[in-house]
C-alpha cells in the first residue's frame, strides 16, 4: 500500500523559512521521481520542484535560488523528500503537495496533469506567508 504524508507546513512571516517533508512508504524500489507541487486558492496546481532517483533536480523559475529539493532513499520501502524553502514570499502561500511517479522525470516538472494521472499523491500541507 503506497502512502505519501507531508509535514512541516504552517504560518511564517515573509523572509522566513520552512522545511517540508514527505514520507513515502510502500514502494518496493527507489526509482520513483519525487516532486513538490502547490495550489493557491483560485489557481491551478503547479510544479515547484522535482528530484529524480539519481539526484537530478528541476525547479520552477519562481522558486529558483530560494527553494531546494532533496531526498533520502532510506531503507526498505521508506523514502523521504524534503523541500527547504527560504526567503518566503506572500505569493508562496498555497497548499503544498508531494507526489511520486515512476515514469516521469525532472523534465516533466510543468506537466502537472501527467503527475496527477501517473503519480501517487499526499494530502497536502498548508503554507501561509504573511
Protein backbone atom coordinates (compact mmCIF):
# COMPACT_ATOMS: atom_id res chain seq x y z
CA UNK A 1 0.00 0.00 0.00
CA UNK A 2 1.67 3.21 -1.21
CA UNK A 3 1.33 6.25 1.01
CA UNK A 4 2.78 9.78 0.98
CA UNK A 5 2.46 12.03 4.01
CA UNK A 6 3.54 15.67 4.03
CA UNK A 7 4.51 17.67 7.09
CA UNK A 8 6.23 20.91 8.01
CA UNK A 9 3.80 23.50 6.73
CA UNK A 10 2.41 26.37 8.78
CA UNK A 11 2.33 30.14 9.07
CA UNK A 12 5.55 32.09 8.53
CA UNK A 13 6.48 35.72 8.04
CA UNK A 14 7.80 36.95 4.73
CA UNK A 15 11.54 36.35 4.50
CA UNK A 16 11.31 33.35 6.77
CA UNK A 17 11.99 29.67 6.08
CA UNK A 18 10.17 26.37 6.29
CA UNK A 19 11.21 22.80 5.58
CA UNK A 20 8.59 20.47 4.21
CA UNK A 21 8.96 16.71 4.46
CA UNK A 22 7.27 13.94 2.53
CA UNK A 23 7.42 10.42 3.91
CA UNK A 24 6.77 7.86 1.19
CA UNK A 25 6.09 4.28 2.16
CA UNK A 26 5.05 1.14 0.40
CA UNK A 27 7.43 1.47 -2.54
CA UNK A 28 9.47 -1.59 -3.41
CA UNK A 29 12.27 0.42 -5.04
CA UNK A 30 13.63 3.94 -5.03
CA UNK A 31 13.35 4.60 -8.76
CA UNK A 32 10.44 6.97 -8.39
CA UNK A 33 10.85 10.60 -9.26
CA UNK A 34 9.54 12.74 -6.40
CA UNK A 35 8.09 16.18 -6.73
CA UNK A 36 6.55 19.06 -4.84
CA UNK A 37 3.55 20.91 -6.21
CA UNK A 38 1.42 23.72 -4.86
CA UNK A 39 -2.03 25.12 -5.36
CA UNK A 40 -3.17 28.52 -4.23
CA UNK A 41 -6.88 29.40 -3.91
CA UNK A 42 -8.37 30.05 -7.31
CA UNK A 43 -5.26 28.91 -9.14
CA UNK A 44 -4.20 25.75 -10.88
CA UNK A 45 -1.84 23.28 -9.29
CA UNK A 46 1.72 23.95 -10.38
CA UNK A 47 5.03 22.16 -10.17
CA UNK A 48 7.53 23.62 -7.70
CA UNK A 49 10.48 21.21 -7.74
CA UNK A 50 11.25 17.68 -8.79
CA UNK A 51 14.08 15.31 -7.91
CA UNK A 52 14.86 12.09 -9.71
CA UNK A 53 16.28 8.92 -8.20
CA UNK A 54 19.78 9.91 -9.40
CA UNK A 55 19.58 13.25 -7.60
CA UNK A 56 18.98 15.44 -10.64
CA UNK A 57 16.60 18.31 -9.98
CA UNK A 58 14.48 20.93 -11.66
CA UNK A 59 12.74 24.00 -10.25
CA UNK A 60 10.04 26.42 -11.23
CA UNK A 61 11.50 29.80 -12.14
CA UNK A 62 9.57 31.45 -9.33
CA UNK A 63 11.43 29.46 -6.66
CA UNK A 64 14.91 29.09 -8.14
CA UNK A 65 17.55 30.24 -5.69
CA UNK A 66 15.12 30.11 -2.77
CA UNK A 67 13.88 26.52 -2.61
CA UNK A 68 15.93 23.33 -2.50
CA UNK A 69 14.59 19.83 -3.01
CA UNK A 70 16.38 16.77 -1.67
CA UNK A 71 15.62 13.17 -0.96
CA UNK A 72 16.67 10.36 1.30
CA UNK A 73 16.20 6.95 -0.23
CA UNK A 74 16.20 5.42 3.20
CA UNK A 75 15.85 1.74 3.74
CA UNK A 76 13.44 -0.93 2.64
CA UNK A 77 10.27 0.73 1.41
CA UNK A 78 10.62 4.10 3.13
CA UNK A 79 11.72 7.21 1.23
CA UNK A 80 11.66 10.86 2.21
CA UNK A 81 11.64 14.01 0.12
CA UNK A 82 12.37 17.46 1.55
CA UNK A 83 11.64 20.95 0.31
CA UNK A 84 13.71 23.63 2.03
CA UNK A 85 12.04 26.97 1.43
CA UNK A 86 13.97 30.16 2.20
CA UNK A 87 13.15 33.83 1.74
CA UNK A 88 9.46 33.02 1.57
CA UNK A 89 7.12 35.50 -0.06
CA UNK A 90 3.37 36.02 0.32
CA UNK A 91 2.90 34.64 -3.18
CA UNK A 92 4.30 31.32 -1.95
CA UNK A 93 1.15 30.86 0.11
CA UNK A 94 -0.52 27.65 -1.05
CA UNK A 95 -1.31 24.06 -0.22
CA UNK A 96 1.86 22.09 -0.94
CA UNK A 97 1.60 18.53 -2.18
CA UNK A 98 4.16 15.77 -2.51
CA UNK A 99 3.97 13.34 -5.40
CA UNK A 100 5.92 10.36 -6.69
CA UNK A 101 5.86 8.83 -10.15
CA UNK A 102 7.87 6.03 -11.71
CA UNK A 103 7.76 7.06 -15.36
CA UNK A 104 8.16 10.82 -15.08
CA UNK A 105 11.34 12.82 -14.66
CA UNK A 106 12.76 16.25 -13.98
CA UNK A 107 11.81 17.35 -17.48
CA UNK A 108 8.15 16.85 -16.53
CA UNK A 109 8.02 19.49 -13.80
CA UNK A 110 5.40 21.52 -15.64
CA UNK A 111 3.33 18.50 -16.70
CA UNK A 112 1.06 18.60 -13.67
CA UNK A 113 -1.73 16.63 -15.30
CA UNK A 114 0.71 13.83 -16.13
CA UNK A 115 1.69 13.73 -12.47
CA UNK A 116 -1.96 13.63 -11.48
CA UNK A 117 -2.57 10.72 -13.86
CA UNK A 118 0.60 8.76 -13.27
CA UNK A 119 1.67 9.61 -9.75
CA UNK A 120 0.83 8.96 -6.14
CA UNK A 121 -0.06 12.00 -4.05
CA UNK A 122 -0.14 13.07 -0.45
CA UNK A 123 -2.93 15.04 1.20
CA UNK A 124 -1.00 18.31 1.30
CA UNK A 125 0.34 20.70 3.91
CA UNK A 126 -0.64 24.37 4.08
CA UNK A 127 1.98 27.10 3.88
CA UNK A 128 0.86 30.63 4.70
CA UNK A 129 3.27 33.54 4.28
CA UNK A 130 2.28 36.93 5.64
